[in-house]
Amino acid sequence: MAVRILGINGSLRGGSTAHRALRFALAALEASGAHCEPFDIGSLPALDGRRDEEYPAAVAAWRAACAASDGFVVTIPSYHGAVPGGLKNALDFVDTPHVGGKPFALIGVAGGDAEPGVTDVARVVRHIGGIAAVPDVVISRSGEHWGPGDEPVNKDVAAAIHKVADNLMALCRLRVEGRLPQP
């Protein structure tokens, strides 16, 4: 049985470094045998407390994609020292039934300090039952380490993404085999 990984780009801007980092991570996961699908969180409305059936179909699709996955890889830009609102909003639409007991890997990308956004997302995903595939990848001053292309110019960054992809795959395989605790 193939491992299913959901890719989540916390940046709503296509072509961003976070977008390129997600593609790079998904390629590493696919090379390890995973079936990967990205989800565009930009299609989600703001969570505003209405009843579930009053939200557009994008919310049900988001929840279904999370529920169907064996694990997640999330790229996180940091804005003003925190997770971007669109990503936090997306995470607020899911809960333990969608994420609980599933491994996740985080890749923070920022022109400044990428760590705060990673810390925010790790706290939220752990709170709803996700299992971290540590270590996180934190790419601060991303212009120096990634550059304009599809791959990082810093080979240590590439190696770190490959390592977290390997860790995520190992945990996802354990999940698929029923060997990870369930919430």
C-alpha atoms as a PDB file:
ATOM      1  CA  MET A   1       0.000   0.000   0.000  1.00  0.00           C
ATOM      2  CA  ALA A   2       1.391   3.400  -1.009  1.00  0.00           C
ATOM      3  CA  VAL A   3       1.869   6.109   1.563  1.00  0.00           C
ATOM      4  CA  ARG A   4      -0.330   9.145   0.823  1.00  0.00           C
ATOM      5  CA  ILE A   5       1.214  12.521   1.658  1.00  0.00           C
ATOM      6  CA  LEU A   6      -0.725  15.777   1.551  1.00  0.00           C
ATOM      7  CA  GLY A   7       1.403  18.799   0.677  1.00  0.00           C
ATOM      8  CA  ILE A   8       0.331  22.097   2.206  1.00  0.00           C
ATOM      9  CA  ASN A   9       1.882  25.381   1.124  1.00  0.00           C
ATOM     10  CA  GLY A  10       1.360  28.026   3.795  1.00  0.00           C
ATOM     11  CA  SER A  11       2.075  30.766   1.263  1.00  0.00           C
ATOM     12  CA  LEU A  12      -0.814  31.800  -0.944  1.00  0.00           C
ATOM     13  CA  ARG A  13       1.608  33.224  -3.522  1.00  0.00           C
ATOM     14  CA  GLY A  14       2.404  30.880  -6.388  1.00  0.00           C
ATOM     15  CA  GLY A  15       6.098  30.618  -7.170  1.00  0.00           C
ATOM     16  CA  SER A  16       7.114  31.680  -3.664  1.00  0.00           C
ATOM     17  CA  THR A  17      10.106  30.056  -2.002  1.00  0.00           C
ATOM     18  CA  ALA A  18       7.664  28.143   0.219  1.00  0.00           C
ATOM     19  CA  HIS A  19       5.929  26.865  -2.937  1.00  0.00           C
ATOM     20  CA  ARG A  20       9.263  25.769  -4.448  1.00  0.00           C
ATOM     21  CA  ALA A  21      10.319  24.165  -1.157  1.00  0.00           C
ATOM     22  CA  LEU A  22       7.074  22.187  -1.072  1.00  0.00           C
ATOM     23  CA  ARG A  23       7.609  20.931  -4.623  1.00  0.00           C
ATOM     24  CA  PHE A  24      11.179  19.944  -3.726  1.00  0.00           C
ATOM     25  CA  ALA A  25      10.003  18.062  -0.614  1.00  0.00           C
ATOM     26  CA  LEU A  26       7.182  16.330  -2.481  1.00  0.00           C
ATOM     27  CA  ALA A  27       9.645  15.195  -5.176  1.00  0.00           C
ATOM     28  CA  ALA A  28      11.881  13.710  -2.452  1.00  0.00           C
ATOM     29  CA  LEU A  29       8.876  11.913  -0.952  1.00  0.00           C
ATOM     30  CA  GLU A  30       7.728  10.605  -4.326  1.00  0.00           C
ATOM     31  CA  ALA A  31      11.254   9.297  -4.976  1.00  0.00           C
ATOM     32  CA  SER A  32      10.814   7.288  -1.760  1.00  0.00           C
ATOM     33  CA  GLY A  33       7.569   5.777  -3.050  1.00  0.00           C
ATOM     34  CA  ALA A  34       4.944   8.144  -1.641  1.00  0.00           C
ATOM     35  CA  HIS A  35       1.877   9.264  -3.532  1.00  0.00           C
ATOM     36  CA  CYS A  36       1.828  13.040  -2.987  1.00  0.00           C
ATOM     37  CA  GLU A  37      -0.892  15.586  -3.613  1.00  0.00           C
ATOM     38  CA  PRO A  38      -0.749  19.298  -2.853  1.00  0.00           C
ATOM     39  CA  PHE A  39      -3.788  21.167  -1.552  1.00  0.00           C
ATOM     40  CA  ASP A  40      -4.348  24.859  -2.291  1.00  0.00           C
ATOM     41  CA  ILE A  41      -5.500  26.415   0.978  1.00  0.00           C
ATOM     42  CA  GLY A  42      -6.169  29.686  -0.856  1.00  0.00           C
ATOM     43  CA  SER A  43      -9.584  28.307  -1.821  1.00  0.00           C
ATOM     44  CA  LEU A  44     -10.730  28.174   1.815  1.00  0.00           C
ATOM     45  CA  PRO A  45     -12.978  30.890   3.235  1.00  0.00           C
ATOM     46  CA  ALA A  46     -12.376  32.443   6.617  1.00  0.00           C
ATOM     47  CA  LEU A  47     -13.516  30.287   9.510  1.00  0.00           C
ATOM     48  CA  ASP A  48     -16.344  32.313  11.013  1.00  0.00           C
ATOM     49  CA  GLY A  49     -18.386  29.943  13.149  1.00  0.00           C
ATOM     50  CA  ARG A  50     -21.191  29.125  10.748  1.00  0.00           C
ATOM     51  CA  ARG A  51     -22.524  25.562  10.600  1.00  0.00           C
ATOM     52  CA  ASP A  52     -20.412  23.119   8.577  1.00  0.00           C
ATOM     53  CA  GLU A  53     -23.039  22.724   5.850  1.00  0.00           C
ATOM     54  CA  GLU A  54     -23.014  26.497   5.247  1.00  0.00           C
ATOM     55  CA  TYR A  55     -19.355  26.537   4.163  1.00  0.00           C
ATOM     56  CA  PRO A  56     -18.452  26.116   0.483  1.00  0.00           C
ATOM     57  CA  ALA A  57     -17.379  22.721  -0.897  1.00  0.00           C
ATOM     58  CA  ALA A  58     -13.704  23.684  -0.553  1.00  0.00           C
ATOM     59  CA  VAL A  59     -13.926  23.128   3.220  1.00  0.00           C
ATOM     60  CA  ALA A  60     -15.291  19.602   2.816  1.00  0.00           C
ATOM     61  CA  ALA A  61     -12.619  18.902   0.173  1.00  0.00           C
ATOM     62  CA  TRP A  62      -9.904  20.161   2.555  1.00  0.00           C
ATOM     63  CA  ARG A  63     -11.142  18.005   5.410  1.00  0.00           C
ATOM     64  CA  ALA A  64     -11.492  14.971   3.117  1.00  0.00           C
ATOM     65  CA  ALA A  65      -7.956  15.439   1.755  1.00  0.00           C
ATOM     66  CA  CYS A  66      -6.580  15.610   5.294  1.00  0.00           C
ATOM     67  CA  ALA A  67      -8.592  12.587   6.411  1.00  0.00           C
ATOM     68  CA  ALA A  68      -7.468  10.528   3.382  1.00  0.00           C
ATOM     69  CA  SER A  69      -3.764  11.235   3.872  1.00  0.00           C
ATOM     70  CA  ASP A  70      -1.270   9.193   5.862  1.00  0.00           C
ATOM     71  CA  GLY A  71       0.861  12.245   6.626  1.00  0.00           C
ATOM     72  CA  PHE A  72       1.533  15.874   5.817  1.00  0.00           C
ATOM     73  CA  VAL A  73       4.373  18.093   4.705  1.00  0.00           C
ATOM     74  CA  VAL A  74       3.785  21.781   5.356  1.00  0.00           C
ATOM     75  CA  THR A  75       5.852  24.716   4.138  1.00  0.00           C
ATOM     76  CA  ILE A  76       5.510  27.768   6.326  1.00  0.00           C
ATOM     77  CA  PRO A  77       6.507  31.313   5.540  1.00  0.00           C
ATOM     78  CA  SER A  78       6.801  33.545   8.598  1.00  0.00           C
ATOM     79  CA  TYR A  79       5.231  36.992   8.494  1.00  0.00           C
ATOM     80  CA  HIS A  80       5.882  39.448  11.307  1.00  0.00           C
ATOM     81  CA  GLY A  81       7.230  36.665  13.504  1.00  0.00           C
ATOM     82  CA  ALA A  82       4.299  34.259  13.160  1.00  0.00           C
ATOM     83  CA  VAL A  83       2.424  31.797  10.973  1.00  0.00           C
ATOM     84  CA  PRO A  84       0.519  33.424   8.075  1.00  0.00           C
ATOM     85  CA  GLY A  85      -3.205  33.845   8.650  1.00  0.00           C
ATOM     86  CA  GLY A  86      -4.284  31.709   5.693  1.00  0.00           C
ATOM     87  CA  LEU A  87      -2.400  28.685   7.011  1.00  0.00           C
ATOM     88  CA  LYS A  88      -3.692  29.131  10.558  1.00  0.00           C
ATOM     89  CA  ASN A  89      -7.211  29.475   9.134  1.00  0.00           C
ATOM     90  CA  ALA A  90      -6.792  26.209   7.173  1.00  0.00           C
ATOM     91  CA  LEU A  91      -5.578  24.389  10.275  1.00  0.00           C
ATOM     92  CA  ASP A  92      -8.557  25.708  12.228  1.00  0.00           C
ATOM     93  CA  PHE A  93     -10.890  23.865   9.829  1.00  0.00           C
ATOM     94  CA  VAL A  94      -9.443  20.435  10.764  1.00  0.00           C
ATOM     95  CA  ASP A  95      -9.301  18.515  14.013  1.00  0.00           C
ATOM     96  CA  THR A  96      -8.317  15.157  15.466  1.00  0.00           C
ATOM     97  CA  PRO A  97     -10.501  13.073  13.086  1.00  0.00           C
ATOM     98  CA  HIS A  98      -8.616  14.581  10.123  1.00  0.00           C
ATOM     99  CA  VAL A  99      -5.081  14.887  11.525  1.00  0.00           C
ATOM    100  CA  GLY A 100      -4.849  12.831  14.716  1.00  0.00           C
ATOM    101  CA  GLY A 101      -2.241  10.082  14.750  1.00  0.00           C
ATOM    102  CA  LYS A 102      -0.732  11.214  11.454  1.00  0.00           C
ATOM    103  CA  PRO A 103       2.908  12.231  10.980  1.00  0.00           C
ATOM    104  CA  PHE A 104       3.783  15.701   9.745  1.00  0.00           C
ATOM    105  CA  ALA A 105       6.943  17.432   8.572  1.00  0.00           C
ATOM    106  CA  LEU A 106       7.461  21.186   8.691  1.00  0.00           C
ATOM    107  CA  ILE A 107       9.655  23.345   6.478  1.00  0.00           C
ATOM    108  CA  GLY A 108       9.860  27.006   7.470  1.00  0.00           C
ATOM    109  CA  VAL A 109      10.947  29.546   4.872  1.00  0.00           C
ATOM    110  CA  ALA A 110      11.397  33.274   5.458  1.00  0.00           C
ATOM    111  CA  GLY A 111      13.419  36.207   4.271  1.00  0.00           C
ATOM    112  CA  GLY A 112      14.089  36.865   7.966  1.00  0.00           C
ATOM    113  CA  ASP A 113      13.564  34.442  10.847  1.00  0.00           C
ATOM    114  CA  ALA A 114      11.619  31.316   9.794  1.00  0.00           C
ATOM    115  CA  GLU A 115      11.489  29.691  13.228  1.00  0.00           C
ATOM    116  CA  PRO A 116       8.433  31.470  14.714  1.00  0.00           C
ATOM    117  CA  GLY A 117       6.074  30.216  12.011  1.00  0.00           C
ATOM    118  CA  VAL A 118       7.376  26.661  12.391  1.00  0.00           C
ATOM    119  CA  THR A 119       6.869  26.813  16.151  1.00  0.00           C
ATOM    120  CA  ASP A 120       3.299  28.094  15.692  1.00  0.00           C
ATOM    121  CA  VAL A 121       2.335  25.346  13.241  1.00  0.00           C
ATOM    122  CA  ALA A 122       4.033  22.601  15.270  1.00  0.00           C
ATOM    123  CA  ARG A 123       2.065  23.645  18.346  1.00  0.00           C
ATOM    124  CA  VAL A 124      -1.258  23.678  16.475  1.00  0.00           C
ATOM    125  CA  VAL A 125      -0.759  20.370  14.643  1.00  0.00           C
ATOM    126  CA  ARG A 126       0.459  18.631  17.807  1.00  0.00           C
ATOM    127  CA  HIS A 127      -2.582  20.001  19.655  1.00  0.00           C
ATOM    128  CA  ILE A 128      -4.898  18.260  17.183  1.00  0.00           C
ATOM    129  CA  GLY A 129      -2.987  14.987  17.445  1.00  0.00           C
ATOM    130  CA  GLY A 130      -0.343  15.103  14.716  1.00  0.00           C
ATOM    131  CA  ILE A 131       2.978  13.302  15.237  1.00  0.00           C
ATOM    132  CA  ALA A 132       6.093  15.312  14.352  1.00  0.00           C
ATOM    133  CA  ALA A 133       8.671  13.869  11.956  1.00  0.00           C
ATOM    134  CA  VAL A 134      11.513  15.817  13.535  1.00  0.00           C
ATOM    135  CA  PRO A 135      13.754  17.662  12.985  1.00  0.00           C
ATOM    136  CA  ASP A 136      11.912  20.550  11.382  1.00  0.00           C
ATOM    137  CA  VAL A 137      13.656  22.370   8.548  1.00  0.00           C
ATOM    138  CA  VAL A 138      14.079  26.090   9.228  1.00  0.00           C
ATOM    139  CA  ILE A 139      15.352  28.182   6.315  1.00  0.00           C
ATOM    140  CA  SER A 140      15.892  31.700   7.629  1.00  0.00           C
ATOM    141  CA  ARG A 141      17.294  34.327   5.245  1.00  0.00           C
ATOM    142  CA  SER A 142      15.966  32.118   2.465  1.00  0.00           C
ATOM    143  CA  GLY A 143      17.370  34.274  -0.322  1.00  0.00           C
ATOM    144  CA  GLU A 144      20.857  33.243   0.767  1.00  0.00           C
ATOM    145  CA  HIS A 145      20.008  29.537   0.927  1.00  0.00           C
ATOM    146  CA  TRP A 146      17.432  28.941  -1.788  1.00  0.00           C
ATOM    147  CA  GLY A 147      17.910  31.452  -4.558  1.00  0.00           C
ATOM    148  CA  PRO A 148      15.582  31.845  -7.556  1.00  0.00           C
ATOM    149  CA  GLY A 149      15.506  28.207  -8.718  1.00  0.00           C
ATOM    150  CA  ASP A 150      13.529  25.087  -7.907  1.00  0.00           C
ATOM    151  CA  GLU A 151      16.266  23.656  -5.671  1.00  0.00           C
ATOM    152  CA  PRO A 152      18.129  25.176  -2.747  1.00  0.00           C
ATOM    153  CA  VAL A 153      21.546  26.570  -3.569  1.00  0.00           C
ATOM    154  CA  ASN A 154      22.689  25.514  -0.100  1.00  0.00           C
ATOM    155  CA  LYS A 155      23.326  21.760  -0.248  1.00  0.00           C
ATOM    156  CA  ASP A 156      22.876  21.486   3.539  1.00  0.00           C
ATOM    157  CA  VAL A 157      19.304  22.757   3.132  1.00  0.00           C
ATOM    158  CA  ALA A 158      18.660  20.165   0.412  1.00  0.00           C
ATOM    159  CA  ALA A 159      20.089  17.442   2.676  1.00  0.00           C
ATOM    160  CA  ALA A 160      17.894  18.612   5.588  1.00  0.00           C
ATOM    161  CA  ILE A 161      14.753  18.433   3.432  1.00  0.00           C
ATOM    162  CA  HIS A 162      15.699  14.956   2.236  1.00  0.00           C
ATOM    163  CA  LYS A 163      16.291  13.879   5.841  1.00  0.00           C
ATOM    164  CA  VAL A 164      12.911  15.135   7.054  1.00  0.00           C
ATOM    165  CA  ALA A 165      11.282  13.474   4.014  1.00  0.00           C
ATOM    166  CA  ASP A 166      12.937  10.178   5.002  1.00  0.00           C
ATOM    167  CA  ASN A 167      11.783  10.610   8.615  1.00  0.00           C
ATOM    168  CA  LEU A 168       8.243  11.404   7.470  1.00  0.00           C
ATOM    169  CA  MET A 169       8.172   8.332   5.209  1.00  0.00           C
ATOM    170  CA  ALA A 170       9.384   6.084   8.029  1.00  0.00           C
ATOM    171  CA  LEU A 171       6.655   7.332  10.359  1.00  0.00           C
ATOM    172  CA  CYS A 172       3.983   7.141   7.655  1.00  0.00           C
ATOM    173  CA  ARG A 173       4.926   3.539   6.909  1.00  0.00           C
ATOM    174  CA  LEU A 174       4.532   2.743  10.612  1.00  0.00           C
ATOM    175  CA  ARG A 175       1.119   4.415  10.524  1.00  0.00           C
ATOM    176  CA  VAL A 176       0.028   2.447   7.458  1.00  0.00           C
ATOM    177  CA  GLU A 177       1.137  -0.749   9.245  1.00  0.00           C
ATOM    178  CA  GLY A 178      -0.949   0.241  12.294  1.00  0.00           C
ATOM    179  CA  ARG A 179       2.120   0.656  14.497  1.00  0.00           C
ATOM    180  CA  LEU A 180       1.592   4.298  15.564  1.00  0.00           C
ATOM    181  CA  PRO A 181      -0.641   5.261  18.493  1.00  0.00           C
ATOM    182  CA  GLN A 182      -4.063   6.574  17.587  1.00  0.00           C
ATOM    183  CA  PRO A 183      -5.653   9.520  19.392  1.00  0.00           C
END
